[in-house]
């Protein structure tokens, strides 16, 4: 599965209503650490068909950034059945990201 772009318009349907695990990446195009994490997330998305990996651009979606109290990026948020399961701030290697997942 590829990484999906999330906006305020599709957030409820794609994230909250999703029965299963969703990995959200709050990022910005200008953010160096965000660009470092992006290929790792693409790889995780390709390898785990049961995991939905989504990106939220904080510059384009300030409402979602405020909802999740994003104060620094990249911020990874794991959602399980519509609820926050865990958060991690900053660029992480693949094994650390996988360790966050239920």
PDB file of N, CA and C in Angstrom:
ATOM      1  N   UNK A   1       0.847  -1.178   0.000  1.00  0.00           N
ATOM      2  CA  UNK A   1       0.000   0.000   0.000  1.00  0.00           C
ATOM      3  C   UNK A   1       0.890   1.238   0.000  1.00  0.00           C
ATOM      4  N   UNK A   2       0.473   2.269  -0.691  1.00  0.00           N
ATOM      5  CA  UNK A   2       1.272   3.492  -0.735  1.00  0.00           C
ATOM      6  C   UNK A   2       0.850   4.435   0.394  1.00  0.00           C
ATOM      7  N   UNK A   3       1.653   5.455   0.598  1.00  0.00           N
ATOM      8  CA  UNK A   3       1.362   6.452   1.613  1.00  0.00           C
ATOM      9  C   UNK A   3       0.235   7.348   1.108  1.00  0.00           C
ATOM     10  N   UNK A   4      -0.747   7.607   1.978  1.00  0.00           N
ATOM     11  CA  UNK A   4      -1.920   8.391   1.609  1.00  0.00           C
ATOM     12  C   UNK A   4      -1.817   9.799   2.188  1.00  0.00           C
ATOM     13  N   UNK A   5      -2.185  10.796   1.399  1.00  0.00           N
ATOM     14  CA  UNK A   5      -2.219  12.180   1.881  1.00  0.00           C
ATOM     15  C   UNK A   5      -3.558  12.414   2.578  1.00  0.00           C
ATOM     16  N   UNK A   6      -3.477  12.969   3.788  1.00  0.00           N
ATOM     17  CA  UNK A   6      -4.684  13.229   4.571  1.00  0.00           C
ATOM     18  C   UNK A   6      -4.913  14.736   4.669  1.00  0.00           C
ATOM     19  N   UNK A   7      -6.176  15.112   4.491  1.00  0.00           N
ATOM     20  CA  UNK A   7      -6.611  16.498   4.654  1.00  0.00           C
ATOM     21  C   UNK A   7      -7.750  16.519   5.660  1.00  0.00           C
ATOM     22  N   UNK A   8      -8.173  17.711   6.033  1.00  0.00           N
ATOM     23  CA  UNK A   8      -9.309  17.793   6.964  1.00  0.00           C
ATOM     24  C   UNK A   8     -10.563  17.191   6.334  1.00  0.00           C
ATOM     25  N   UNK A   9     -10.629  17.183   5.007  1.00  0.00           N
ATOM     26  CA  UNK A   9     -11.803  16.661   4.315  1.00  0.00           C
ATOM     27  C   UNK A   9     -11.903  15.136   4.347  1.00  0.00           C
ATOM     28  N   UNK A  10     -10.764  14.429   4.361  1.00  0.00           N
ATOM     29  CA  UNK A  10     -10.833  12.966   4.365  1.00  0.00           C
ATOM     30  C   UNK A  10     -10.361  12.338   5.686  1.00  0.00           C
ATOM     31  N   UNK A  11     -10.013  13.167   6.683  1.00  0.00           N
ATOM     32  CA  UNK A  11      -9.476  12.669   7.945  1.00  0.00           C
ATOM     33  C   UNK A  11     -10.435  11.721   8.664  1.00  0.00           C
ATOM     34  N   UNK A  12     -11.671  12.122   8.827  1.00  0.00           N
ATOM     35  CA  UNK A  12     -12.640  11.292   9.567  1.00  0.00           C
ATOM     36  C   UNK A  12     -12.811   9.927   8.905  1.00  0.00           C
ATOM     37  N   UNK A  13     -12.973   9.923   7.589  1.00  0.00           N
ATOM     38  CA  UNK A  13     -13.211   8.674   6.859  1.00  0.00           C
ATOM     39  C   UNK A  13     -11.970   7.785   6.835  1.00  0.00           C
ATOM     40  N   UNK A  14     -10.810   8.348   6.559  1.00  0.00           N
ATOM     41  CA  UNK A  14      -9.596   7.552   6.354  1.00  0.00           C
ATOM     42  C   UNK A  14      -8.859   7.197   7.648  1.00  0.00           C
ATOM     43  N   UNK A  15      -9.020   8.009   8.700  1.00  0.00           N
ATOM     44  CA  UNK A  15      -8.272   7.765   9.932  1.00  0.00           C
ATOM     45  C   UNK A  15      -9.181   7.342  11.077  1.00  0.00           C
ATOM     46  N   UNK A  16     -10.142   8.177  11.431  1.00  0.00           N
ATOM     47  CA  UNK A  16     -10.994   7.898  12.587  1.00  0.00           C
ATOM     48  C   UNK A  16     -11.872   6.665  12.347  1.00  0.00           C
ATOM     49  N   UNK A  17     -12.449   6.541  11.169  1.00  0.00           N
ATOM     50  CA  UNK A  17     -13.343   5.416  10.871  1.00  0.00           C
ATOM     51  C   UNK A  17     -12.589   4.140  10.499  1.00  0.00           C
ATOM     52  N   UNK A  18     -11.265   4.198  10.414  1.00  0.00           N
ATOM     53  CA  UNK A  18     -10.472   3.033  10.012  1.00  0.00           C
ATOM     54  C   UNK A  18     -10.409   2.014  11.146  1.00  0.00           C
ATOM     55  N   UNK A  19     -10.842   0.804  10.861  1.00  0.00           N
ATOM     56  CA  UNK A  19     -10.728  -0.288  11.832  1.00  0.00           C
ATOM     57  C   UNK A  19      -9.358  -0.913  11.634  1.00  0.00           C
ATOM     58  N   UNK A  20      -8.445  -0.578  12.495  1.00  0.00           N
ATOM     59  CA  UNK A  20      -7.087  -1.074  12.365  1.00  0.00           C
ATOM     60  C   UNK A  20      -6.099  -0.003  12.769  1.00  0.00           C
ATOM     61  N   UNK A  21      -4.862  -0.177  12.333  1.00  0.00           N
ATOM     62  CA  UNK A  21      -3.780   0.718  12.727  1.00  0.00           C
ATOM     63  C   UNK A  21      -3.454   1.699  11.601  1.00  0.00           C
ATOM     64  N   UNK A  22      -3.319   2.968  11.995  1.00  0.00           N
ATOM     65  CA  UNK A  22      -2.950   4.032  11.067  1.00  0.00           C
ATOM     66  C   UNK A  22      -1.722   4.737  11.638  1.00  0.00           C
ATOM     67  N   UNK A  23      -0.719   4.934  10.803  1.00  0.00           N
ATOM     68  CA  UNK A  23       0.474   5.678  11.186  1.00  0.00           C
ATOM     69  C   UNK A  23       0.420   7.031  10.491  1.00  0.00           C
ATOM     70  N   UNK A  24       0.310   8.103  11.290  1.00  0.00           N
ATOM     71  CA  UNK A  24       0.236   9.455  10.759  1.00  0.00           C
ATOM     72  C   UNK A  24       1.601  10.114  10.844  1.00  0.00           C
ATOM     73  N   UNK A  25       2.006  10.764   9.773  1.00  0.00           N
ATOM     74  CA  UNK A  25       3.249  11.519   9.725  1.00  0.00           C
ATOM     75  C   UNK A  25       2.899  12.985   9.535  1.00  0.00           C
ATOM     76  N   UNK A  26       3.062  13.786  10.597  1.00  0.00           N
ATOM     77  CA  UNK A  26       2.883  15.228  10.494  1.00  0.00           C
ATOM     78  C   UNK A  26       4.209  15.806  10.031  1.00  0.00           C
ATOM     79  N   UNK A  27       4.209  16.488   8.889  1.00  0.00           N
ATOM     80  CA  UNK A  27       5.452  16.923   8.248  1.00  0.00           C
ATOM     81  C   UNK A  27       5.257  18.267   7.553  1.00  0.00           C
ATOM     82  N   UNK A  28       6.361  18.806   7.030  1.00  0.00           N
ATOM     83  CA  UNK A  28       6.336  19.969   6.140  1.00  0.00           C
ATOM     84  C   UNK A  28       7.392  19.747   5.061  1.00  0.00           C
ATOM     85  N   UNK A  29       7.144  20.283   3.885  1.00  0.00           N
ATOM     86  CA  UNK A  29       8.068  20.102   2.761  1.00  0.00           C
ATOM     87  C   UNK A  29       9.447  20.694   3.038  1.00  0.00           C
ATOM     88  N   UNK A  30       9.515  21.748   3.829  1.00  0.00           N
ATOM     89  CA  UNK A  30      10.778  22.438   4.108  1.00  0.00           C
ATOM     90  C   UNK A  30      11.599  21.771   5.228  1.00  0.00           C
ATOM     91  N   UNK A  31      11.056  20.761   5.875  1.00  0.00           N
ATOM     92  CA  UNK A  31      11.659  20.142   7.064  1.00  0.00           C
ATOM     93  C   UNK A  31      12.651  19.037   6.669  1.00  0.00           C
ATOM     94  N   UNK A  32      13.936  19.239   6.971  1.00  0.00           N
ATOM     95  CA  UNK A  32      14.971  18.249   6.656  1.00  0.00           C
ATOM     96  C   UNK A  32      14.736  16.891   7.298  1.00  0.00           C
ATOM     97  N   UNK A  33      14.510  16.824   8.618  1.00  0.00           N
ATOM     98  CA  UNK A  33      14.245  15.531   9.245  1.00  0.00           C
ATOM     99  C   UNK A  33      12.997  14.842   8.672  1.00  0.00           C
ATOM    100  N   UNK A  34      12.009  15.618   8.265  1.00  0.00           N
ATOM    101  CA  UNK A  34      10.802  15.047   7.649  1.00  0.00           C
ATOM    102  C   UNK A  34      11.159  14.350   6.340  1.00  0.00           C
ATOM    103  N   UNK A  35      12.044  14.971   5.563  1.00  0.00           N
ATOM    104  CA  UNK A  35      12.469  14.380   4.293  1.00  0.00           C
ATOM    105  C   UNK A  35      13.289  13.114   4.527  1.00  0.00           C
ATOM    106  N   UNK A  36      13.991  13.039   5.658  1.00  0.00           N
ATOM    107  CA  UNK A  36      14.756  11.834   5.993  1.00  0.00           C
ATOM    108  C   UNK A  36      13.832  10.661   6.333  1.00  0.00           C
ATOM    109  N   UNK A  37      12.713  10.949   6.984  1.00  0.00           N
ATOM    110  CA  UNK A  37      11.771   9.912   7.411  1.00  0.00           C
ATOM    111  C   UNK A  37      10.898   9.423   6.253  1.00  0.00           C
ATOM    112  N   UNK A  38      10.637  10.274   5.282  1.00  0.00           N
ATOM    113  CA  UNK A  38       9.700   9.951   4.196  1.00  0.00           C
ATOM    114  C   UNK A  38      10.005   8.626   3.493  1.00  0.00           C
ATOM    115  N   UNK A  39      11.255   8.345   3.054  1.00  0.00           N
ATOM    116  CA  UNK A  39      11.491   7.071   2.372  1.00  0.00           C
ATOM    117  C   UNK A  39      11.326   5.861   3.291  1.00  0.00           C
ATOM    118  N   UNK A  40      11.586   6.034   4.568  1.00  0.00           N
ATOM    119  CA  UNK A  40      11.389   4.950   5.534  1.00  0.00           C
ATOM    120  C   UNK A  40       9.903   4.618   5.639  1.00  0.00           C
ATOM    121  N   UNK A  41       9.072   5.653   5.690  1.00  0.00           N
ATOM    122  CA  UNK A  41       7.623   5.436   5.765  1.00  0.00           C
ATOM    123  C   UNK A  41       7.092   4.801   4.491  1.00  0.00           C
ATOM    124  N   UNK A  42       7.635   5.205   3.345  1.00  0.00           N
ATOM    125  CA  UNK A  42       7.245   4.585   2.070  1.00  0.00           C
ATOM    126  C   UNK A  42       7.566   3.090   2.093  1.00  0.00           C
ATOM    127  N   UNK A  43       8.729   2.745   2.608  1.00  0.00           N
ATOM    128  CA  UNK A  43       9.150   1.344   2.683  1.00  0.00           C
ATOM    129  C   UNK A  43       8.241   0.550   3.622  1.00  0.00           C
ATOM    130  N   UNK A  44       7.924   1.121   4.773  1.00  0.00           N
ATOM    131  CA  UNK A  44       7.029   0.456   5.731  1.00  0.00           C
ATOM    132  C   UNK A  44       5.651   0.247   5.100  1.00  0.00           C
ATOM    133  N   UNK A  45       5.157   1.248   4.385  1.00  0.00           N
ATOM    134  CA  UNK A  45       3.840   1.154   3.734  1.00  0.00           C
ATOM    135  C   UNK A  45       3.816   0.036   2.704  1.00  0.00           C
ATOM    136  N   UNK A  46       4.912  -0.117   1.942  1.00  0.00           N
ATOM    137  CA  UNK A  46       4.980  -1.179   0.927  1.00  0.00           C
ATOM    138  C   UNK A  46       5.045  -2.565   1.573  1.00  0.00           C
ATOM    139  N   UNK A  47       5.730  -2.670   2.694  1.00  0.00           N
ATOM    140  CA  UNK A  47       5.963  -3.974   3.319  1.00  0.00           C
ATOM    141  C   UNK A  47       4.794  -4.480   4.157  1.00  0.00           C
ATOM    142  N   UNK A  48       3.976  -3.582   4.710  1.00  0.00           N
ATOM    143  CA  UNK A  48       2.902  -3.993   5.625  1.00  0.00           C
ATOM    144  C   UNK A  48       1.556  -3.576   5.047  1.00  0.00           C
ATOM    145  N   UNK A  49       0.909  -4.484   4.347  1.00  0.00           N
ATOM    146  CA  UNK A  49      -0.369  -4.176   3.694  1.00  0.00           C
ATOM    147  C   UNK A  49      -1.484  -3.922   4.704  1.00  0.00           C
ATOM    148  N   UNK A  50      -1.335  -4.389   5.934  1.00  0.00           N
ATOM    149  CA  UNK A  50      -2.365  -4.197   6.949  1.00  0.00           C
ATOM    150  C   UNK A  50      -2.267  -2.873   7.673  1.00  0.00           C
ATOM    151  N   UNK A  51      -1.222  -2.109   7.392  1.00  0.00           N
ATOM    152  CA  UNK A  51      -0.995  -0.824   8.050  1.00  0.00           C
ATOM    153  C   UNK A  51      -1.292   0.298   7.067  1.00  0.00           C
ATOM    154  N   UNK A  52      -2.058   1.282   7.503  1.00  0.00           N
ATOM    155  CA  UNK A  52      -2.326   2.457   6.676  1.00  0.00           C
ATOM    156  C   UNK A  52      -1.351   3.549   7.110  1.00  0.00           C
ATOM    157  N   UNK A  53      -0.507   3.997   6.188  1.00  0.00           N
ATOM    158  CA  UNK A  53       0.466   5.055   6.463  1.00  0.00           C
ATOM    159  C   UNK A  53      -0.020   6.328   5.772  1.00  0.00           C
ATOM    160  N   UNK A  54      -0.121   7.399   6.558  1.00  0.00           N
ATOM    161  CA  UNK A  54      -0.683   8.643   6.046  1.00  0.00           C
ATOM    162  C   UNK A  54       0.209   9.827   6.381  1.00  0.00           C
ATOM    163  N   UNK A  55       0.216  10.823   5.495  1.00  0.00           N
ATOM    164  CA  UNK A  55       0.993  12.042   5.697  1.00  0.00           C
ATOM    165  C   UNK A  55       0.044  13.223   5.817  1.00  0.00           C
ATOM    166  N   UNK A  56       0.366  14.113   6.773  1.00  0.00           N
ATOM    167  CA  UNK A  56      -0.411  15.332   6.964  1.00  0.00           C
ATOM    168  C   UNK A  56       0.558  16.507   6.938  1.00  0.00           C
ATOM    169  N   UNK A  57       0.413  17.368   5.933  1.00  0.00           N
ATOM    170  CA  UNK A  57       1.261  18.546   5.802  1.00  0.00           C
ATOM    171  C   UNK A  57       0.745  19.614   6.769  1.00  0.00           C
ATOM    172  N   UNK A  58       1.557  19.973   7.773  1.00  0.00           N
ATOM    173  CA  UNK A  58       1.114  20.906   8.811  1.00  0.00           C
ATOM    174  C   UNK A  58       0.881  22.311   8.266  1.00  0.00           C
ATOM    175  N   UNK A  59       1.567  22.673   7.189  1.00  0.00           N
ATOM    176  CA  UNK A  59       1.361  23.991   6.586  1.00  0.00           C
ATOM    177  C   UNK A  59       0.025  24.068   5.855  1.00  0.00           C
ATOM    178  N   UNK A  60      -0.395  22.961   5.260  1.00  0.00           N
ATOM    179  CA  UNK A  60      -1.651  22.925   4.504  1.00  0.00           C
ATOM    180  C   UNK A  60      -2.848  22.555   5.374  1.00  0.00           C
ATOM    181  N   UNK A  61      -2.602  21.898   6.504  1.00  0.00           N
ATOM    182  CA  UNK A  61      -3.685  21.413   7.374  1.00  0.00           C
ATOM    183  C   UNK A  61      -3.484  21.875   8.824  1.00  0.00           C
ATOM    184  N   UNK A  62      -3.537  23.210   9.062  1.00  0.00           N
ATOM    185  CA  UNK A  62      -3.305  23.699  10.419  1.00  0.00           C
ATOM    186  C   UNK A  62      -4.345  23.214  11.432  1.00  0.00           C
ATOM    187  N   UNK A  63      -5.573  22.941  10.976  1.00  0.00           N
ATOM    188  CA  UNK A  63      -6.609  22.462  11.890  1.00  0.00           C
ATOM    189  C   UNK A  63      -6.238  21.089  12.472  1.00  0.00           C
ATOM    190  N   UNK A  64      -5.728  20.210  11.615  1.00  0.00           N
ATOM    191  CA  UNK A  64      -5.322  18.890  12.093  1.00  0.00           C
ATOM    192  C   UNK A  64      -4.082  18.984  12.974  1.00  0.00           C
ATOM    193  N   UNK A  65      -3.164  19.876  12.625  1.00  0.00           N
ATOM    194  CA  UNK A  65      -1.972  20.078  13.453  1.00  0.00           C
ATOM    195  C   UNK A  65      -2.377  20.564  14.843  1.00  0.00           C
ATOM    196  N   UNK A  66      -3.342  21.467  14.914  1.00  0.00           N
ATOM    197  CA  UNK A  66      -3.816  21.947  16.220  1.00  0.00           C
ATOM    198  C   UNK A  66      -4.539  20.842  16.978  1.00  0.00           C
ATOM    199  N   UNK A  67      -5.321  20.049  16.290  1.00  0.00           N
ATOM    200  CA  UNK A  67      -6.069  18.962  16.929  1.00  0.00           C
ATOM    201  C   UNK A  67      -5.125  17.986  17.635  1.00  0.00           C
ATOM    202  N   UNK A  68      -3.955  17.752  17.035  1.00  0.00           N
ATOM    203  CA  UNK A  68      -2.980  16.825  17.609  1.00  0.00           C
ATOM    204  C   UNK A  68      -1.868  17.543  18.381  1.00  0.00           C
ATOM    205  N   UNK A  69      -2.060  18.841  18.598  1.00  0.00           N
ATOM    206  CA  UNK A  69      -1.117  19.657  19.372  1.00  0.00           C
ATOM    207  C   UNK A  69       0.322  19.519  18.861  1.00  0.00           C
ATOM    208  N   UNK A  70       0.475  19.616  17.552  1.00  0.00           N
ATOM    209  CA  UNK A  70       1.794  19.500  16.931  1.00  0.00           C
ATOM    210  C   UNK A  70       2.576  20.776  17.199  1.00  0.00           C
ATOM    211  N   UNK A  71       3.681  20.653  17.928  1.00  0.00           N
ATOM    212  CA  UNK A  71       4.520  21.814  18.214  1.00  0.00           C
ATOM    213  C   UNK A  71       5.879  21.695  17.538  1.00  0.00           C
ATOM    214  N   UNK A  72       6.219  20.494  17.058  1.00  0.00           N
ATOM    215  CA  UNK A  72       7.471  20.244  16.369  1.00  0.00           C
ATOM    216  C   UNK A  72       7.256  19.078  15.413  1.00  0.00           C
ATOM    217  N   UNK A  73       8.039  19.055  14.329  1.00  0.00           N
ATOM    218  CA  UNK A  73       7.909  17.992  13.338  1.00  0.00           C
ATOM    219  C   UNK A  73       9.273  17.404  13.020  1.00  0.00           C
ATOM    220  N   UNK A  74       9.340  16.207  12.495  1.00  0.00           N
ATOM    221  CA  UNK A  74       8.225  15.301  12.221  1.00  0.00           C
ATOM    222  C   UNK A  74       7.638  14.733  13.509  1.00  0.00           C
ATOM    223  N   UNK A  75       6.341  14.578  13.510  1.00  0.00           N
ATOM    224  CA  UNK A  75       5.626  13.936  14.607  1.00  0.00           C
ATOM    225  C   UNK A  75       4.911  12.725  14.025  1.00  0.00           C
ATOM    226  N   UNK A  76       5.216  11.559  14.549  1.00  0.00           N
ATOM    227  CA  UNK A  76       4.527  10.327  14.144  1.00  0.00           C
ATOM    228  C   UNK A  76       3.492   9.990  15.199  1.00  0.00           C
ATOM    229  N   UNK A  77       2.272   9.723  14.760  1.00  0.00           N
ATOM    230  CA  UNK A  77       1.177   9.363  15.655  1.00  0.00           C
ATOM    231  C   UNK A  77       0.610   8.039  15.190  1.00  0.00           C
ATOM    232  N   UNK A  78       0.520   7.087  16.101  1.00  0.00           N
ATOM    233  CA  UNK A  78      -0.088   5.793  15.805  1.00  0.00           C
ATOM    234  C   UNK A  78      -1.524   5.828  16.312  1.00  0.00           C
ATOM    235  N   UNK A  79      -2.457   5.544  15.408  1.00  0.00           N
ATOM    236  CA  UNK A  79      -3.879   5.468  15.752  1.00  0.00           C
ATOM    237  C   UNK A  79      -4.304   4.011  15.669  1.00  0.00           C
ATOM    238  N   UNK A  80      -5.058   3.560  16.640  1.00  0.00           N
ATOM    239  CA  UNK A  80      -5.583   2.192  16.649  1.00  0.00           C
ATOM    240  C   UNK A  80      -7.084   2.284  16.840  1.00  0.00           C
ATOM    241  N   UNK A  81      -7.836   1.846  15.855  1.00  0.00           N
ATOM    242  CA  UNK A  81      -9.298   1.888  15.892  1.00  0.00           C
ATOM    243  C   UNK A  81      -9.829   3.271  16.239  1.00  0.00           C
ATOM    244  N   UNK A  82      -9.222   4.309  15.635  1.00  0.00           N
ATOM    245  CA  UNK A  82      -9.697   5.676  15.798  1.00  0.00           C
ATOM    246  C   UNK A  82      -9.189   6.407  17.027  1.00  0.00           C
ATOM    247  N   UNK A  83      -8.378   5.778  17.845  1.00  0.00           N
ATOM    248  CA  UNK A  83      -7.853   6.395  19.068  1.00  0.00           C
ATOM    249  C   UNK A  83      -6.331   6.487  18.989  1.00  0.00           C
ATOM    250  N   UNK A  84      -5.770   7.519  19.640  1.00  0.00           N
ATOM    251  CA  UNK A  84      -4.315   7.669  19.676  1.00  0.00           C
ATOM    252  C   UNK A  84      -3.727   6.541  20.523  1.00  0.00           C
ATOM    253  N   UNK A  85      -2.798   5.807  19.936  1.00  0.00           N
ATOM    254  CA  UNK A  85      -2.133   4.683  20.591  1.00  0.00           C
ATOM    255  C   UNK A  85      -0.741   5.083  21.081  1.00  0.00           C
ATOM    256  N   UNK A  86      -0.083   5.982  20.324  1.00  0.00           N
ATOM    257  CA  UNK A  86       1.248   6.443  20.703  1.00  0.00           C
ATOM    258  C   UNK A  86       1.726   7.567  19.811  1.00  0.00           C
ATOM    259  N   UNK A  87       2.753   8.308  20.295  1.00  0.00           N
ATOM    260  CA  UNK A  87       3.340   9.415  19.543  1.00  0.00           C
ATOM    261  C   UNK A  87       4.851   9.345  19.656  1.00  0.00           C
ATOM    262  N   UNK A  88       5.527   9.868  18.639  1.00  0.00           N
ATOM    263  CA  UNK A  88       6.980   9.942  18.657  1.00  0.00           C
ATOM    264  C   UNK A  88       7.411  11.184  17.891  1.00  0.00           C
ATOM    265  N   UNK A  89       8.266  11.989  18.520  1.00  0.00           N
ATOM    266  CA  UNK A  89       8.726  13.234  17.930  1.00  0.00           C
ATOM    267  C   UNK A  89      10.127  13.077  17.372  1.00  0.00           C
ATOM    268  N   UNK A  90      10.343  13.603  16.170  1.00  0.00           N
ATOM    269  CA  UNK A  90      11.663  13.580  15.561  1.00  0.00           C
ATOM    270  C   UNK A  90      11.854  12.426  14.600  1.00  0.00           C
ATOM    271  N   UNK A  91      12.917  12.516  13.814  1.00  0.00           N
ATOM    272  CA  UNK A  91      13.243  11.470  12.840  1.00  0.00           C
ATOM    273  C   UNK A  91      13.676  10.211  13.580  1.00  0.00           C
ATOM    274  N   UNK A  92      13.162   9.076  13.164  1.00  0.00           N
ATOM    275  CA  UNK A  92      13.454   7.790  13.791  1.00  0.00           C
ATOM    276  C   UNK A  92      13.867   6.784  12.725  1.00  0.00           C
ATOM    277  N   UNK A  93      14.738   5.828  13.089  1.00  0.00           N
ATOM    278  CA  UNK A  93      15.057   4.767  12.141  1.00  0.00           C
ATOM    279  C   UNK A  93      13.875   3.792  12.028  1.00  0.00           C
ATOM    280  N   UNK A  94      13.923   2.982  11.000  1.00  0.00           N
ATOM    281  CA  UNK A  94      12.823   2.057  10.715  1.00  0.00           C
ATOM    282  C   UNK A  94      12.479   1.168  11.907  1.00  0.00           C
ATOM    283  N   UNK A  95      13.470   0.598  12.569  1.00  0.00           N
ATOM    284  CA  UNK A  95      13.184  -0.321  13.680  1.00  0.00           C
ATOM    285  C   UNK A  95      12.466   0.396  14.822  1.00  0.00           C
ATOM    286  N   UNK A  96      12.775   1.666  15.054  1.00  0.00           N
ATOM    287  CA  UNK A  96      12.096   2.435  16.113  1.00  0.00           C
ATOM    288  C   UNK A  96      10.647   2.739  15.734  1.00  0.00           C
ATOM    289  N   UNK A  97      10.409   3.013  14.466  1.00  0.00           N
ATOM    290  CA  UNK A  97       9.045   3.265  14.007  1.00  0.00           C
ATOM    291  C   UNK A  97       8.221   1.976  14.116  1.00  0.00           C
ATOM    292  N   UNK A  98       8.792   0.868  13.678  1.00  0.00           N
ATOM    293  CA  UNK A  98       8.068  -0.408  13.761  1.00  0.00           C
ATOM    294  C   UNK A  98       7.781  -0.781  15.213  1.00  0.00           C
ATOM    295  N   UNK A  99       8.665  -0.438  16.135  1.00  0.00           N
ATOM    296  CA  UNK A  99       8.461  -0.743  17.557  1.00  0.00           C
ATOM    297  C   UNK A  99       7.290   0.016  18.157  1.00  0.00           C
ATOM    298  N   UNK A 100       6.877   1.118  17.522  1.00  0.00           N
ATOM    299  CA  UNK A 100       5.730   1.898  17.998  1.00  0.00           C
ATOM    300  C   UNK A 100       4.397   1.226  17.686  1.00  0.00           C
ATOM    301  N   UNK A 101       4.395   0.351  16.704  1.00  0.00           N
ATOM    302  CA  UNK A 101       3.142  -0.214  16.202  1.00  0.00           C
ATOM    303  C   UNK A 101       2.623  -1.322  17.105  1.00  0.00           C
ATOM    304  N   UNK A 102       1.289  -1.401  17.257  1.00  0.00           N
ATOM    305  CA  UNK A 102       0.716  -2.475  18.096  1.00  0.00           C
ATOM    306  C   UNK A 102       0.816  -3.830  17.440  1.00  0.00           C
TER     307      UNK A 102
END
